[in-house]
Amino acid sequence: MRPSRPIAIRVLVAVACGIASAVLGTTVAVADDGPDLAAIDRYVRSEMEAQRIPGLALGIVHGDRIVHVQGFGHADRAGRQVTPETPFLIGSVTKSFTALAIMQLSEAGQVQLDAPVQRYLPWWRVADPAASTRVTVRHLLYQVSGLSKATGNAYATSGDSHDSALEDRVRALRDAELAQPVGTTWQYSNANYWTLGMIVQAVSGQSYETYIQQHIFDPLQMGNSYTSGTEAVQNGLPTGHRYWYGFPVASELPFDRGGLGSAGLSSSAEDMTRYVGLYLNQGRYATTPLVSPAGAAELQRAGVATGQDGVSYAMGWDIGQIHDTTAISHDGSGFDSHANVVLIPDRGWGVVVMENGENSPDEFFGSRRMTGIAYGVAGMLIGEESPAPSSPSRLLWVVYGIVLAILAIQVVGMVRSVRTIRTWQTVPSRRPTGALRIGLRVGLPLLVSWTWALLVLVGLPQVIRAPLPAVLMGLPDLGYPLLVSAVLAFGWGLARFIWAIRTLRTPPSGAPGPLTDPTTDLIPANA
C-alpha cells in the first residue's frame, strides 16, 4: 500500500538529515513535534553576524539523545572550518568537571564533603589560621569559603606550565585574606576550584589531568577533549579573539596550568553533548554510570543564594530561570574564548555553545550577548520564538566615547600647558603671583592629574577585582587607552609641575623675548 503523505514526508526528512549528518558533520535525531533545527541554525548564524563571532560550535541534547551538533564559521586565519569535533576552551565550565570528580571521590568513600580541607591537604591554609581549619570541601564547592573574587583573579594572566603549577597556586593561598567569614556569603572565586582540583590530585594519587582523563573523558568517550593546552592546539584548538571596539582581533594568550581545575579544560561540541547528557540522565552515559542518581541530583541542587535576583549556586552550576522554567547553567568566559552550557532539566534539554572569541567589554557592561546565544537556543527548544537580533550595549559606546574624550582633552591640555609656561618664560608679567593663584595654576592641575592616575591604576583593578594586567588582557580597548591616559596624567602632571615651578623661580631676564600668544590667558587643563 502506498504510504500516506505525512509518512512519506517524514521519511524524506529523515533521509535528508542523514545526508546532512554525513556531509556537514551534524548529528540529528528527528522526533515528532521536535524543535525547528533549521530555525535554530539561522538564529545562531544571525547572532554570529551581529556580534562578528569568528567561529562557533553548537550542541543540543534531549535526554540521553544527541539531537544536533554543528560547527559554524572559521577556526583560524587560514579559513579552517569549525566542525563538531573542533576543541574549544570551555573556561569556567571546567568547574562542573572538578565538582563531578569530587562527587565521584565522595561516592567512593575517599572524600567527605563536610570534612575540613585540611583533612586532605594538611598544609592548606589562608592568612587566618583559625579560618583555615573551618573551611570544608562543601564550602569550596558552593563558593562560600570566604575566598574573594580578587584572590581568584590574581593569576589571571599567568602562563605557569610547571608540573607543580597547581600545588604552587594552592600553596600561595597562605597569604590570602578572606573577604567574608567562612560559610556565610557566596563570592565567586577561582581559588575555591584550584583547591578542589588539588584535593582531587591528593586523594586520587593521580595528577588532576590524569584523573579527569581516566574518570570522565574516557568513560564518556570524549576523544576531542584535552587537559593540556599544548595537546588542544595540536588537535585543532581555534585561534582565540579579543574584541577591540566591537571587532575581533586574533590573539595568542598563555595557558595557565595552575588554574586548570577552575577554567582550563577544552572540549568539542560533540564531546560536550555527551557530558551534558550525563546531567539529564541521572549521572549515566548510555549504560555507564559516572555518579549515582543521588550524586547527580546533589551536584545540581541549589545550595546557596548568590545575591543575584533568582539565582542560586550549586556545585559548579548556576541555578536560575528561563521563561519561568528552571535552568541550570554556567558560562566559561576566557580572555579570547567563550563557552556556555544551559540545561532545562524539566524538559530534558541541554545546550552547549562555544566560540573562539570573547567580547569582554560587551559582557562587562551588561549586554552579555555571547551568553545570550545559548539561552536563546534553549528558549527556542521549549517553544519560545526566536529572539530578536541582539545589539551592543549603548552604555559601552558611551564609555568608549568618554575614555577617548579624556585622552583628547589631555592632549589638548598638554599643548595649552606648553604654550602657557613658555608665555611665562617670555612674558614675566603673565606669571601668576600670590600663593593662591600659583596653587590654582600649578598645584591644582598636578592634584587632578595624579588623582585620575590613581583612580585608573589602583581604583579600577579594585572595582573589577582583577589585577591591572588582567584588565588589559580582558578589556584591551578600554584598558590600554586608560593606561595611556593614566601614564600621561602621572608623568606629564609631574613634568608640568616641575617645569612651572622652575619657570616661576627664574628671575626675569633683562629683555623680554617674543610673545607666544600675549592675548590669551591660558588655563592649564587636566593633563
Protein backbone atom coordinates (compact mmCIF):
# COMPACT_ATOMS: atom_id res chain seq x y z
CA MET A 1 0.00 0.00 0.00
CA ARG A 2 1.24 3.46 -0.83
CA PRO A 3 2.32 5.37 2.30
CA SER A 4 0.31 8.39 3.31
CA ARG A 5 1.75 11.81 2.53
CA PRO A 6 2.75 12.64 6.17
CA ILE A 7 4.69 9.38 6.48
CA ALA A 8 6.40 9.96 3.15
CA ILE A 9 7.41 13.43 4.25
CA ARG A 10 8.88 12.06 7.48
CA VAL A 11 10.91 9.52 5.52
CA LEU A 12 12.22 12.23 3.22
CA VAL A 13 13.14 14.40 6.21
CA ALA A 14 14.94 11.50 7.86
CA VAL A 15 16.91 10.82 4.67
CA ALA A 16 17.79 14.49 4.34
CA CYS A 17 19.00 14.59 7.94
CA GLY A 18 21.11 11.52 7.31
CA ILE A 19 22.73 13.18 4.31
CA ALA A 20 23.31 16.35 6.34
CA SER A 21 24.95 14.30 9.04
CA ALA A 22 27.34 12.68 6.60
CA VAL A 23 28.16 15.82 4.66
CA LEU A 24 28.11 18.53 7.34
CA GLY A 25 29.19 16.57 10.37
CA THR A 26 25.95 17.09 12.26
CA THR A 27 24.22 14.53 14.43
CA VAL A 28 20.45 14.75 14.24
CA ALA A 29 17.67 12.77 15.84
CA VAL A 30 14.27 13.59 14.37
CA ALA A 31 11.20 13.33 16.56
CA ASP A 32 7.55 14.26 16.11
CA ASP A 33 6.92 17.88 17.04
CA GLY A 34 10.64 18.31 17.59
CA PRO A 35 12.48 21.63 17.52
CA ASP A 36 12.98 23.55 14.32
CA LEU A 37 16.72 22.95 13.98
CA ALA A 38 16.94 24.97 10.78
CA ALA A 39 15.46 27.97 12.58
CA ILE A 40 17.93 27.48 15.44
CA ASP A 41 20.82 27.40 12.99
CA ARG A 42 19.54 30.57 11.34
CA TYR A 43 19.32 32.26 14.72
CA VAL A 44 22.89 31.23 15.58
CA ARG A 45 24.20 32.49 12.24
CA SER A 46 22.36 35.80 12.68
CA GLU A 47 23.94 36.27 16.10
CA MET A 48 27.38 35.39 14.76
CA GLU A 49 26.96 38.07 12.10
CA ALA A 50 25.58 40.64 14.54
CA GLN A 51 28.38 40.00 17.05
CA ARG A 52 31.13 39.34 14.49
CA ILE A 53 31.91 35.97 16.07
CA PRO A 54 34.63 34.21 14.02
CA GLY A 55 33.71 30.61 14.85
CA LEU A 56 31.11 28.79 16.93
CA ALA A 57 30.13 25.24 17.79
CA LEU A 58 26.62 24.21 18.89
CA GLY A 59 25.42 21.05 20.58
CA ILE A 60 21.86 20.11 21.57
CA VAL A 61 20.85 17.14 23.73
CA HIS A 62 17.43 15.79 24.67
CA GLY A 63 17.51 13.30 27.49
CA ASP A 64 20.08 10.71 26.54
CA ARG A 65 19.98 11.56 22.82
CA ILE A 66 22.28 13.87 20.90
CA VAL A 67 19.85 15.86 18.78
CA HIS A 68 22.09 18.26 16.89
CA VAL A 69 25.74 19.25 16.70
CA GLN A 70 27.02 21.79 14.23
CA GLY A 71 30.04 23.96 13.54
CA PHE A 72 29.80 27.48 12.15
CA GLY A 73 32.39 29.90 10.84
CA HIS A 74 36.16 29.69 10.91
CA ALA A 75 38.64 28.31 13.40
CA ASP A 76 41.68 30.29 12.24
CA ARG A 77 43.03 32.84 9.78
CA ALA A 78 43.56 30.15 7.16
CA GLY A 79 39.80 29.66 6.99
CA ARG A 80 39.67 26.20 8.57
CA GLN A 81 36.02 25.38 9.21
CA VAL A 82 34.69 24.78 12.69
CA THR A 83 33.27 21.26 12.99
CA PRO A 84 31.51 19.33 15.78
CA GLU A 85 34.92 17.78 16.56
CA THR A 86 36.79 21.10 16.91
CA PRO A 87 38.01 21.52 20.52
CA PHE A 88 37.30 24.85 22.21
CA LEU A 89 38.44 26.18 25.57
CA ILE A 90 35.45 25.85 27.90
CA GLY A 91 36.66 28.27 30.59
CA SER A 92 34.79 28.08 33.88
CA VAL A 93 32.51 25.31 32.64
CA THR A 94 35.55 23.34 33.85
CA LYS A 95 34.29 23.89 37.42
CA SER A 96 31.48 21.40 36.91
CA PHE A 97 34.04 18.77 35.84
CA THR A 98 36.01 19.39 39.03
CA ALA A 99 32.83 19.15 41.11
CA LEU A 100 31.93 15.90 39.35
CA ALA A 101 35.38 14.49 40.17
CA ILE A 102 34.89 15.41 43.85
CA MET A 103 31.46 13.72 43.84
CA GLN A 104 32.97 10.58 42.34
CA LEU A 105 35.60 10.51 45.08
CA SER A 106 32.91 11.15 47.68
CA GLU A 107 30.85 8.20 46.47
CA ALA A 108 33.98 6.07 46.52
CA GLY A 109 34.38 6.94 50.21
CA GLN A 110 37.59 8.88 49.67
CA VAL A 111 36.24 12.39 50.31
CA GLN A 112 33.63 13.62 52.79
CA LEU A 113 32.02 16.81 51.59
CA ASP A 114 31.65 18.29 55.07
CA ALA A 115 35.18 17.42 56.16
CA PRO A 116 37.73 20.24 56.50
CA VAL A 117 40.02 20.84 53.58
CA GLN A 118 42.99 20.24 55.87
CA ARG A 119 41.98 16.57 56.22
CA TYR A 120 43.06 16.08 52.60
CA LEU A 121 45.60 18.88 52.32
CA PRO A 122 47.20 19.18 55.79
CA TRP A 123 49.37 22.06 54.63
CA TRP A 124 46.47 24.12 53.24
CA ARG A 125 45.80 27.46 54.87
CA VAL A 126 44.82 31.06 54.27
CA ALA A 127 46.09 34.12 56.14
CA ASP A 128 43.73 33.48 59.07
CA PRO A 129 44.92 30.27 60.83
CA ALA A 130 41.62 29.72 62.65
CA ALA A 131 39.54 30.17 59.50
CA SER A 132 41.83 27.75 57.68
CA THR A 133 40.67 24.91 59.94
CA ARG A 134 36.97 25.63 59.33
CA VAL A 135 36.83 25.64 55.52
CA THR A 136 35.24 22.42 54.25
CA VAL A 137 35.08 20.77 50.86
CA ARG A 138 31.42 21.76 50.58
CA HIS A 139 32.30 25.40 51.28
CA LEU A 140 34.63 25.30 48.29
CA LEU A 141 32.04 23.63 46.04
CA TYR A 142 29.41 26.25 46.90
CA GLN A 143 31.86 29.19 46.77
CA VAL A 144 31.24 30.19 50.40
CA SER A 145 34.75 29.66 51.78
CA GLY A 146 35.31 33.40 52.13
CA LEU A 147 37.96 33.46 49.41
CA SER A 148 37.42 36.54 47.26
CA LYS A 149 36.95 37.06 43.58
CA ALA A 150 40.08 39.21 43.59
CA THR A 151 42.12 36.32 45.03
CA GLY A 152 40.75 34.06 42.33
CA ASN A 153 41.75 36.54 39.63
CA ALA A 154 45.23 37.22 40.98
CA TYR A 155 46.89 34.85 38.49
CA ALA A 156 44.57 35.57 35.58
CA THR A 157 47.44 36.29 33.20
CA SER A 158 49.75 33.53 34.43
CA GLY A 159 51.26 31.10 31.97
CA ASP A 160 52.66 28.69 34.55
CA SER A 161 53.18 25.31 32.86
CA HIS A 162 55.26 23.51 35.50
CA ASP A 163 54.21 20.09 36.81
CA SER A 164 53.85 21.68 40.25
CA ALA A 165 51.76 24.61 38.97
CA LEU A 166 48.51 23.56 40.65
CA GLU A 167 50.09 22.85 44.03
CA ASP A 168 52.15 26.05 43.87
CA ARG A 169 48.99 28.03 43.17
CA VAL A 170 47.10 26.48 46.08
CA ARG A 171 50.02 26.87 48.49
CA ALA A 172 50.16 30.57 47.61
CA LEU A 173 46.75 30.99 49.27
CA ARG A 174 48.54 31.04 52.62
CA ASP A 175 48.71 34.83 52.25
CA ALA A 176 45.09 35.25 51.11
CA GLU A 177 42.81 37.33 53.30
CA LEU A 178 39.22 36.08 53.43
CA ALA A 179 36.63 38.58 52.23
CA GLN A 180 33.85 37.16 54.45
CA PRO A 181 33.59 34.76 57.38
CA VAL A 182 33.73 31.09 56.39
CA GLY A 183 30.41 29.65 55.22
CA THR A 184 28.38 32.87 55.32
CA THR A 185 28.41 34.60 51.95
CA TRP A 186 28.69 33.46 48.35
CA GLN A 187 31.52 35.01 46.36
CA TYR A 188 32.65 33.53 43.09
CA SER A 189 36.37 32.73 43.32
CA ASN A 190 38.52 30.59 41.08
CA ALA A 191 40.64 29.88 44.15
CA ASN A 192 37.93 27.57 45.52
CA TYR A 193 38.22 25.33 42.50
CA TRP A 194 42.03 25.42 42.41
CA THR A 195 41.86 23.92 45.89
CA LEU A 196 39.27 21.33 44.83
CA GLY A 197 41.50 20.35 41.91
CA MET A 198 44.35 19.88 44.35
CA ILE A 199 42.15 17.69 46.56
CA VAL A 200 41.34 15.51 43.53
CA GLN A 201 45.05 15.20 42.89
CA ALA A 202 45.99 14.44 46.51
CA VAL A 203 43.22 11.93 47.23
CA SER A 204 43.36 10.03 43.94
CA GLY A 205 47.15 9.83 43.83
CA GLN A 206 46.97 11.00 40.20
CA SER A 207 47.55 14.36 38.61
CA TYR A 208 44.36 16.35 38.08
CA GLU A 209 44.85 15.93 34.35
CA THR A 210 45.15 12.14 34.54
CA TYR A 211 42.14 11.81 36.82
CA ILE A 212 39.87 13.85 34.54
CA GLN A 213 41.06 11.90 31.51
CA GLN A 214 40.56 8.45 33.04
CA HIS A 215 37.41 9.04 35.08
CA ILE A 216 35.44 11.49 32.93
CA PHE A 217 36.79 11.89 29.40
CA ASP A 218 37.40 8.19 28.74
CA PRO A 219 34.10 6.82 30.11
CA LEU A 220 32.19 9.47 28.14
CA GLN A 221 34.24 8.73 25.01
CA MET A 222 35.28 12.37 24.83
CA GLY A 223 38.05 11.84 22.30
CA ASN A 224 38.38 15.51 21.34
CA SER A 225 38.72 16.85 24.88
CA TYR A 226 42.01 17.85 26.49
CA THR A 227 43.54 18.79 29.81
CA SER A 228 46.67 20.13 28.13
CA GLY A 229 46.79 23.40 26.26
CA THR A 230 49.56 22.09 24.04
CA GLU A 231 47.58 18.98 23.08
CA ALA A 232 44.49 21.06 22.37
CA VAL A 233 46.45 23.29 19.99
CA GLN A 234 47.97 20.27 18.26
CA ASN A 235 44.50 18.86 17.74
CA GLY A 236 42.88 21.91 16.22
CA LEU A 237 42.11 24.40 19.00
CA PRO A 238 40.82 27.51 17.19
CA THR A 239 42.63 30.81 17.26
CA GLY A 240 41.19 32.97 20.02
CA HIS A 241 39.99 36.53 19.51
CA ARG A 242 39.68 39.57 21.77
CA TYR A 243 37.40 42.43 20.79
CA TRP A 244 38.55 45.96 20.05
CA TYR A 245 35.66 48.40 19.63
CA GLY A 246 33.33 45.62 18.52
CA PHE A 247 35.75 43.90 16.14
CA PRO A 248 37.50 40.57 16.88
CA VAL A 249 41.30 40.59 16.76
CA ALA A 250 43.25 37.31 16.78
CA SER A 251 45.30 36.71 19.92
CA GLU A 252 47.68 34.18 21.43
CA LEU A 253 47.38 34.04 25.19
CA PRO A 254 49.25 31.83 27.68
CA PHE A 255 47.77 28.59 29.01
CA ASP A 256 47.66 28.57 32.81
CA ARG A 257 48.19 25.06 34.13
CA GLY A 258 47.92 26.32 37.69
CA GLY A 259 44.30 27.31 37.12
CA LEU A 260 43.34 24.11 35.34
CA GLY A 261 40.78 22.99 37.95
CA SER A 262 38.79 26.20 37.59
CA ALA A 263 38.99 27.09 33.91
CA GLY A 264 41.49 25.13 31.83
CA LEU A 265 39.79 22.24 30.02
CA SER A 266 38.96 22.14 26.33
CA SER A 267 36.34 20.08 24.54
CA SER A 268 34.37 19.80 21.33
CA ALA A 269 30.64 20.30 20.82
CA GLU A 270 30.23 16.61 20.09
CA ASP A 271 32.04 15.63 23.29
CA MET A 272 30.22 18.20 25.40
CA THR A 273 26.82 16.86 24.35
CA ARG A 274 27.82 13.56 25.93
CA TYR A 275 28.88 15.37 29.07
CA VAL A 276 25.68 17.43 29.23
CA GLY A 277 23.59 14.29 28.71
CA LEU A 278 25.10 12.92 31.91
CA TYR A 279 23.19 15.53 33.94
CA LEU A 280 19.93 14.81 32.11
CA ASN A 281 20.25 11.04 32.56
CA GLN A 282 20.78 10.69 36.34
CA GLY A 283 24.57 10.62 36.18
CA ARG A 284 24.74 8.00 33.43
CA TYR A 285 26.02 7.99 29.85
CA ALA A 286 24.49 5.16 27.83
CA THR A 287 24.94 2.21 30.20
CA THR A 288 27.92 3.72 32.04
CA PRO A 289 27.23 5.50 35.36
CA LEU A 290 29.76 8.16 36.35
CA VAL A 291 27.93 9.02 39.56
CA SER A 292 24.80 7.72 41.23
CA PRO A 293 21.39 9.35 40.58
CA ALA A 294 21.62 10.85 44.07
CA GLY A 295 25.09 12.21 43.33
CA ALA A 296 23.95 13.73 40.04
CA ALA A 297 20.99 15.37 41.80
CA GLU A 298 23.24 16.71 44.56
CA LEU A 299 25.56 18.30 42.02
CA GLN A 300 22.60 20.19 40.54
CA ARG A 301 20.87 21.12 43.80
CA ALA A 302 20.69 24.83 44.61
CA GLY A 303 22.97 25.23 47.60
CA VAL A 304 23.35 28.94 48.35
CA ALA A 305 21.87 32.21 47.17
CA THR A 306 24.25 34.29 45.07
CA GLY A 307 22.71 37.64 45.85
CA GLN A 308 21.61 37.96 42.23
CA ASP A 309 17.86 38.04 41.72
CA GLY A 310 16.54 34.49 41.46
CA VAL A 311 19.97 32.87 41.04
CA SER A 312 21.46 30.23 43.35
CA TYR A 313 24.68 28.30 43.12
CA ALA A 314 25.01 24.53 43.01
CA MET A 315 28.27 22.60 42.69
CA GLY A 316 29.86 24.30 39.73
CA TRP A 317 26.48 25.39 38.33
CA ASP A 318 24.19 28.42 38.44
CA ILE A 319 20.51 27.73 39.12
CA GLY A 320 18.04 30.24 37.73
CA GLN A 321 15.02 30.67 35.49
CA ILE A 322 14.48 30.85 31.76
CA HIS A 323 10.94 31.67 30.64
CA ASP A 324 9.59 30.59 34.05
CA THR A 325 11.37 27.24 33.79
CA THR A 326 14.27 26.15 35.99
CA ALA A 327 17.59 26.39 34.16
CA ILE A 328 20.96 25.01 35.25
CA SER A 329 23.80 26.80 33.53
CA HIS A 330 27.36 28.03 33.60
CA ASP A 331 29.41 30.18 31.32
CA GLY A 332 33.10 29.99 30.63
CA SER A 333 34.49 33.40 29.76
CA GLY A 334 38.15 33.38 28.87
CA PHE A 335 40.06 36.36 27.56
CA ASP A 336 39.72 35.20 23.95
CA SER A 337 37.17 32.37 24.06
CA HIS A 338 33.69 31.79 25.41
CA ALA A 339 31.51 28.81 26.31
CA ASN A 340 28.05 28.27 27.73
CA VAL A 341 26.08 25.27 28.92
CA VAL A 342 22.35 25.55 29.64
CA LEU A 343 20.23 22.67 30.97
CA ILE A 344 16.43 22.65 31.16
CA PRO A 345 16.01 19.52 33.28
CA ASP A 346 12.19 19.66 33.47
CA ARG A 347 12.03 19.47 29.69
CA GLY A 348 15.10 17.27 29.24
CA TRP A 349 17.00 19.73 27.05
CA GLY A 350 20.67 20.65 27.14
CA VAL A 351 22.54 23.25 25.05
CA VAL A 352 26.26 23.78 24.52
CA VAL A 353 27.62 26.86 22.72
CA MET A 354 31.34 27.61 22.31
CA GLU A 355 33.02 30.50 20.50
CA ASN A 356 36.63 31.31 19.63
CA GLY A 357 36.21 34.90 20.76
CA GLU A 358 35.30 36.81 23.89
CA ASN A 359 33.76 40.28 23.83
CA SER A 360 34.60 41.08 27.45
CA PRO A 361 33.66 44.80 27.24
CA ASP A 362 30.20 43.87 25.96
CA GLU A 363 29.79 41.25 28.69
CA PHE A 364 31.13 43.56 31.39
CA PHE A 365 28.72 46.39 30.57
CA GLY A 366 25.64 44.25 30.72
CA SER A 367 24.69 43.18 27.20
CA ARG A 368 26.06 39.63 27.63
CA ARG A 369 25.21 38.89 24.02
CA MET A 370 27.52 35.89 23.71
CA THR A 371 26.00 34.35 26.82
CA GLY A 372 22.58 35.10 25.38
CA ILE A 373 23.03 32.79 22.40
CA ALA A 374 22.80 29.62 24.49
CA TYR A 375 19.78 30.99 26.34
CA GLY A 376 18.17 31.94 23.04
CA VAL A 377 18.60 28.40 21.72
CA ALA A 378 17.30 26.94 24.98
CA GLY A 379 14.22 29.15 24.77
CA MET A 380 13.51 28.00 21.22
CA LEU A 381 13.79 24.38 22.35
CA ILE A 382 10.97 24.87 24.86
CA GLY A 383 8.72 26.63 22.39
CA GLU A 384 9.70 30.28 22.57
CA GLU A 385 10.04 32.43 19.47
CA SER A 386 13.46 33.12 18.01
CA PRO A 387 14.92 36.07 19.94
CA ALA A 388 15.18 39.44 18.24
CA PRO A 389 18.67 40.27 16.91
CA SER A 390 20.91 41.49 19.69
CA SER A 391 22.61 44.86 19.68
CA PRO A 392 25.69 46.13 21.52
CA SER A 393 25.37 47.96 24.80
CA ARG A 394 24.78 51.67 24.37
CA LEU A 395 26.45 52.20 27.71
CA LEU A 396 29.61 50.59 26.36
CA TRP A 397 29.80 53.04 23.49
CA VAL A 398 29.21 55.91 25.89
CA VAL A 399 32.14 54.65 27.96
CA TYR A 400 34.30 54.35 24.83
CA GLY A 401 33.44 57.94 23.97
CA ILE A 402 34.25 59.20 27.47
CA VAL A 403 37.63 57.43 27.59
CA LEU A 404 38.67 58.69 24.15
CA ALA A 405 37.41 62.18 25.01
CA ILE A 406 39.52 62.20 28.18
CA LEU A 407 42.58 61.30 26.11
CA ALA A 408 41.80 64.08 23.61
CA ILE A 409 41.32 66.60 26.43
CA GLN A 410 44.64 65.56 27.93
CA VAL A 411 46.48 66.07 24.66
CA VAL A 412 44.87 69.48 24.17
CA GLY A 413 45.68 70.33 27.77
CA MET A 414 49.33 69.38 27.28
CA VAL A 415 49.59 71.65 24.25
CA ARG A 416 47.97 74.53 26.11
CA SER A 417 50.19 73.96 29.14
CA VAL A 418 53.31 74.14 27.00
CA ARG A 419 52.15 77.41 25.49
CA THR A 420 51.24 78.80 28.93
CA ILE A 421 54.60 78.02 30.54
CA ARG A 422 56.51 79.33 27.54
CA THR A 423 54.49 82.54 27.83
CA TRP A 424 55.53 82.76 31.49
CA GLN A 425 59.14 82.41 30.38
CA THR A 426 58.99 85.08 27.71
CA VAL A 427 56.48 87.46 29.31
CA PRO A 428 57.18 87.58 33.07
CA SER A 429 54.21 89.86 33.62
CA ARG A 430 51.89 86.99 32.71
CA ARG A 431 53.16 84.82 35.54
CA PRO A 432 50.71 84.10 38.38
CA THR A 433 51.56 85.78 41.67
CA GLY A 434 50.47 85.02 45.19
CA ALA A 435 50.16 81.64 46.85
CA LEU A 436 46.51 81.14 45.90
CA ARG A 437 46.95 81.87 42.20
CA ILE A 438 50.12 79.80 41.98
CA GLY A 439 48.36 76.94 43.78
CA LEU A 440 45.42 77.09 41.37
CA ARG A 441 47.58 77.37 38.25
CA VAL A 442 50.36 74.96 39.26
CA GLY A 443 49.35 72.75 42.20
CA LEU A 444 45.72 72.04 41.30
CA PRO A 445 46.49 70.56 37.85
CA LEU A 446 49.01 68.21 39.49
CA LEU A 447 46.45 67.14 42.11
CA VAL A 448 43.77 66.48 39.48
CA SER A 449 46.18 64.60 37.21
CA TRP A 450 47.51 62.35 39.96
CA THR A 451 44.03 61.68 41.32
CA TRP A 452 42.97 60.47 37.88
CA ALA A 453 46.08 58.32 37.55
CA LEU A 454 45.41 56.66 40.93
CA LEU A 455 41.78 56.04 40.02
CA VAL A 456 42.86 54.17 36.90
CA LEU A 457 45.93 52.35 38.19
CA VAL A 458 44.63 51.47 41.67
CA GLY A 459 40.87 52.04 41.75
CA LEU A 460 39.89 50.33 38.51
CA PRO A 461 41.52 46.97 39.37
CA GLN A 462 39.82 47.07 42.76
CA VAL A 463 36.41 47.70 41.19
CA ILE A 464 36.87 44.90 38.66
CA ARG A 465 38.59 42.76 41.31
CA ALA A 466 41.38 41.78 38.96
CA PRO A 467 44.99 42.97 38.62
CA LEU A 468 45.80 45.62 36.04
CA PRO A 469 47.43 43.12 33.59
CA ALA A 470 44.17 41.14 33.63
CA VAL A 471 42.21 44.31 32.90
CA LEU A 472 44.49 44.99 29.92
CA MET A 473 44.15 41.41 28.69
CA GLY A 474 40.40 41.17 29.14
CA LEU A 475 39.34 44.71 28.23
CA PRO A 476 42.07 45.81 25.79
CA ASP A 477 40.08 48.51 24.00
CA LEU A 478 39.33 50.18 27.32
CA GLY A 479 42.33 49.09 29.37
CA TYR A 480 45.10 50.33 27.10
CA PRO A 481 43.63 53.80 26.43
CA LEU A 482 43.02 54.17 30.17
CA LEU A 483 46.59 53.08 30.91
CA VAL A 484 47.96 55.60 28.41
CA SER A 485 45.74 58.24 29.98
CA ALA A 486 46.96 57.39 33.49
CA VAL A 487 50.62 57.41 32.46
CA LEU A 488 50.16 60.77 30.75
CA ALA A 489 48.37 62.14 33.80
CA PHE A 490 51.07 60.98 36.17
CA GLY A 491 54.13 61.68 34.03
CA TRP A 492 53.08 64.91 32.37
CA GLY A 493 51.46 66.17 35.56
CA LEU A 494 54.78 65.86 37.39
CA ALA A 495 56.82 67.23 34.47
CA ARG A 496 54.50 70.22 34.10
CA PHE A 497 54.64 70.95 37.84
CA ILE A 498 58.46 70.91 37.92
CA TRP A 499 58.73 72.98 34.74
CA ALA A 500 56.21 75.54 36.02
CA ILE A 501 57.90 75.90 39.43
CA ARG A 502 61.34 76.33 37.86
CA THR A 503 59.94 78.91 35.48
CA LEU A 504 58.30 80.88 38.29
CA ARG A 505 61.55 80.79 40.32
CA THR A 506 63.65 82.02 37.40
CA PRO A 507 64.22 85.80 37.61
CA PRO A 508 63.01 87.72 34.59
CA SER A 509 65.69 88.39 32.01
CA GLY A 510 66.65 91.89 31.03
CA ALA A 511 64.85 91.90 27.76
CA PRO A 512 61.58 90.07 27.16
CA GLY A 513 61.55 87.59 24.34
CA PRO A 514 58.93 87.25 21.61
CA LEU A 515 55.40 86.67 22.74
CA THR A 516 53.89 83.26 22.10
CA ASP A 517 50.29 84.39 22.48
CA PRO A 518 50.05 87.61 24.51
CA THR A 519 46.28 87.94 24.09
CA THR A 520 45.21 84.61 25.52
CA ASP A 521 45.05 83.84 29.23
CA LEU A 522 45.68 80.13 29.12
CA ILE A 523 44.32 77.95 31.91
CA PRO A 524 46.13 74.64 32.46
CA ALA A 525 43.94 71.67 31.69
CA ASN A 526 43.90 68.30 33.42
CA ALA A 527 46.89 66.82 31.66
